[in-house]
Amino acid sequence: MEVLNILKETLFFVALIFATIWDMREREIPDILNVCIFAIGLFGVHPIYAFVCALVTGLPYLIASLLSGGRIGGGDIKLMAACGAVLGIRGGFLQSIIALTLVACYGIAEMILKKDTKVSIPLAPFLGTGGFLSFIIMNYGGI
């Protein structure tokens, strides 16, 4: 089972790095990458559990996107849902807390430095960082 966990975390981290780089360059996250992350979430868990976790963790981002007029992209919603399949509900919410805290701090700093209240920030780097830290905390931090 240990080998499966190492494989799962390695693939998850690599996928998060690809999502981060792709979003920073192209401002989108390929669907195939989200499908791969969801598939990683299927390692060692029941598929219905992974699907429910994906739904619960992705739904707040879908609602936020609808309320913000699409300022949160579909790739970010799907990335968060896919990460929920890997991290579970608690891990997905922890990922959100970490990611949104980081993006808020970065956004405020960018607005201050640019003296502009309209900044566009790719979310995947922050979701990726939050996912990485959440995985480490959930699996090695005793939460």
Protein backbone atom coordinates (compact mmCIF):
# COMPACT_ATOMS: atom_id res chain seq x y z
CA MET A 1 0.00 0.00 0.00
CA GLU A 2 2.92 2.34 0.67
CA VAL A 3 4.02 2.18 -2.97
CA LEU A 4 0.50 3.14 -4.07
CA ASN A 5 0.55 6.19 -1.78
CA ILE A 6 3.95 7.29 -3.06
CA LEU A 7 2.79 6.87 -6.65
CA LYS A 8 -0.44 8.76 -5.92
CA GLU A 9 1.30 11.72 -4.29
CA THR A 10 4.00 11.89 -6.97
CA LEU A 11 1.48 11.88 -9.81
CA PHE A 12 -0.70 14.42 -7.97
CA PHE A 13 2.20 16.80 -7.40
CA VAL A 14 3.41 16.53 -11.00
CA ALA A 15 -0.12 17.17 -12.29
CA LEU A 16 -0.43 20.24 -10.04
CA ILE A 17 2.87 21.57 -11.37
CA PHE A 18 1.67 21.09 -14.95
CA ALA A 19 -1.63 22.82 -14.14
CA THR A 20 0.23 25.73 -12.58
CA ILE A 21 2.62 26.19 -15.50
CA TRP A 22 -0.13 25.79 -18.10
CA ASP A 23 -2.44 28.29 -16.38
CA MET A 24 0.33 30.84 -16.01
CA ARG A 25 1.25 30.57 -19.71
CA GLU A 26 -2.10 30.03 -21.39
CA ARG A 27 -4.64 31.20 -18.79
CA GLU A 28 -6.46 27.90 -19.07
CA ILE A 29 -6.17 24.38 -17.69
CA PRO A 30 -6.56 21.51 -20.15
CA ASP A 31 -9.48 19.18 -19.43
CA ILE A 32 -7.26 16.14 -19.85
CA LEU A 33 -5.14 17.31 -16.93
CA ASN A 34 -8.22 17.56 -14.71
CA VAL A 35 -9.32 14.09 -15.84
CA CYS A 36 -5.87 12.74 -14.92
CA ILE A 37 -6.04 14.33 -11.47
CA PHE A 38 -9.51 12.87 -10.94
CA ALA A 39 -8.17 9.46 -12.01
CA ILE A 40 -5.38 9.79 -9.45
CA GLY A 41 -8.10 10.33 -6.86
CA LEU A 42 -9.54 6.93 -7.74
CA PHE A 43 -6.41 5.12 -6.48
CA GLY A 44 -7.46 3.17 -3.41
CA VAL A 45 -10.95 4.67 -2.91
CA HIS A 46 -14.46 3.85 -4.03
CA PRO A 47 -15.37 5.76 -7.22
CA ILE A 48 -18.60 7.09 -5.72
CA TYR A 49 -16.66 8.54 -2.78
CA ALA A 50 -14.22 10.25 -5.17
CA PHE A 51 -17.11 11.63 -7.21
CA VAL A 52 -18.92 13.00 -4.13
CA CYS A 53 -15.72 14.62 -2.87
CA ALA A 54 -15.15 16.18 -6.29
CA LEU A 55 -18.69 17.50 -6.39
CA VAL A 56 -18.60 18.95 -2.88
CA THR A 57 -15.23 20.66 -3.31
CA GLY A 58 -15.91 21.96 -6.81
CA LEU A 59 -19.42 23.27 -6.16
CA PRO A 60 -18.38 26.40 -4.20
CA TYR A 61 -16.16 27.43 -7.12
CA LEU A 62 -19.00 26.91 -9.59
CA ILE A 63 -21.29 29.07 -7.44
CA ALA A 64 -18.57 31.73 -7.08
CA SER A 65 -18.05 31.72 -10.84
CA LEU A 66 -21.75 32.21 -11.47
CA LEU A 67 -21.98 35.01 -8.90
CA SER A 68 -18.85 36.76 -10.21
CA GLY A 69 -19.91 36.73 -13.83
CA GLY A 70 -17.35 34.13 -14.82
CA ARG A 71 -14.27 35.68 -13.23
CA ILE A 72 -13.39 32.21 -11.98
CA GLY A 73 -12.84 30.04 -15.02
CA GLY A 74 -14.19 26.61 -15.76
CA GLY A 75 -10.69 25.13 -15.61
CA ASP A 76 -10.30 26.34 -12.03
CA ILE A 77 -13.65 24.81 -11.09
CA LYS A 78 -12.72 21.48 -12.68
CA LEU A 79 -9.24 21.58 -11.12
CA MET A 80 -10.70 22.10 -7.69
CA ALA A 81 -13.21 19.29 -8.21
CA ALA A 82 -10.48 16.94 -9.42
CA CYS A 83 -8.33 17.83 -6.42
CA GLY A 84 -11.29 17.07 -4.17
CA ALA A 85 -11.31 13.52 -5.56
CA VAL A 86 -7.67 13.18 -4.47
CA LEU A 87 -7.83 15.05 -1.16
CA GLY A 88 -11.33 14.25 0.06
CA ILE A 89 -13.76 16.83 1.37
CA ARG A 90 -11.70 17.94 4.38
CA GLY A 91 -8.51 18.11 2.32
CA GLY A 92 -10.31 19.97 -0.48
CA PHE A 93 -11.63 22.57 1.94
CA LEU A 94 -8.17 22.91 3.49
CA GLN A 95 -6.80 23.39 -0.02
CA SER A 96 -9.36 26.15 -0.61
CA ILE A 97 -8.50 27.92 2.63
CA ILE A 98 -4.78 27.86 1.84
CA ALA A 99 -5.20 28.79 -1.83
CA LEU A 100 -7.69 31.61 -1.29
CA THR A 101 -5.62 33.07 1.54
CA LEU A 102 -2.54 33.08 -0.68
CA VAL A 103 -4.34 34.54 -3.69
CA ALA A 104 -5.94 37.24 -1.53
CA CYS A 105 -2.55 38.29 -0.15
CA TYR A 106 -1.01 38.25 -3.62
CA GLY A 107 -3.94 40.15 -5.13
CA ILE A 108 -3.84 42.85 -2.48
CA ALA A 109 -0.09 43.27 -2.95
CA GLU A 110 -0.48 43.46 -6.73
CA MET A 111 -3.27 46.05 -6.45
CA ILE A 112 -1.15 48.17 -4.14
CA LEU A 113 1.95 47.93 -6.33
CA LYS A 114 0.10 48.55 -9.60
CA LYS A 115 -2.27 51.10 -8.04
CA ASP A 116 -5.09 49.39 -9.90
CA THR A 117 -8.09 47.62 -8.43
CA LYS A 118 -8.63 45.46 -11.52
CA VAL A 119 -6.08 42.68 -11.58
CA SER A 120 -6.37 39.31 -13.27
CA ILE A 121 -4.64 36.47 -11.49
CA PRO A 122 -4.36 32.86 -12.66
CA LEU A 123 -5.81 30.75 -9.86
CA ALA A 124 -4.12 27.40 -10.60
CA PRO A 125 -0.75 28.34 -9.03
CA PHE A 126 -2.51 29.04 -5.76
CA LEU A 127 -4.80 26.01 -6.01
CA GLY A 128 -1.74 23.91 -6.78
CA THR A 129 0.15 25.24 -3.78
CA GLY A 130 -2.90 24.73 -1.60
CA GLY A 131 -3.36 21.20 -2.93
CA PHE A 132 0.28 20.33 -2.32
CA LEU A 133 0.24 21.70 1.23
CA SER A 134 -3.13 20.16 1.97
CA PHE A 135 -1.95 16.73 0.82
CA ILE A 136 1.16 16.99 3.01
CA ILE A 137 -0.82 18.20 6.03
CA MET A 138 -3.58 15.60 5.63
CA ASN A 139 -1.19 12.68 5.11
CA TYR A 140 1.80 13.62 7.23
CA GLY A 141 0.58 16.33 9.60
CA GLY A 142 -1.82 14.28 11.67
CA ILE A 143 -5.04 16.03 10.61
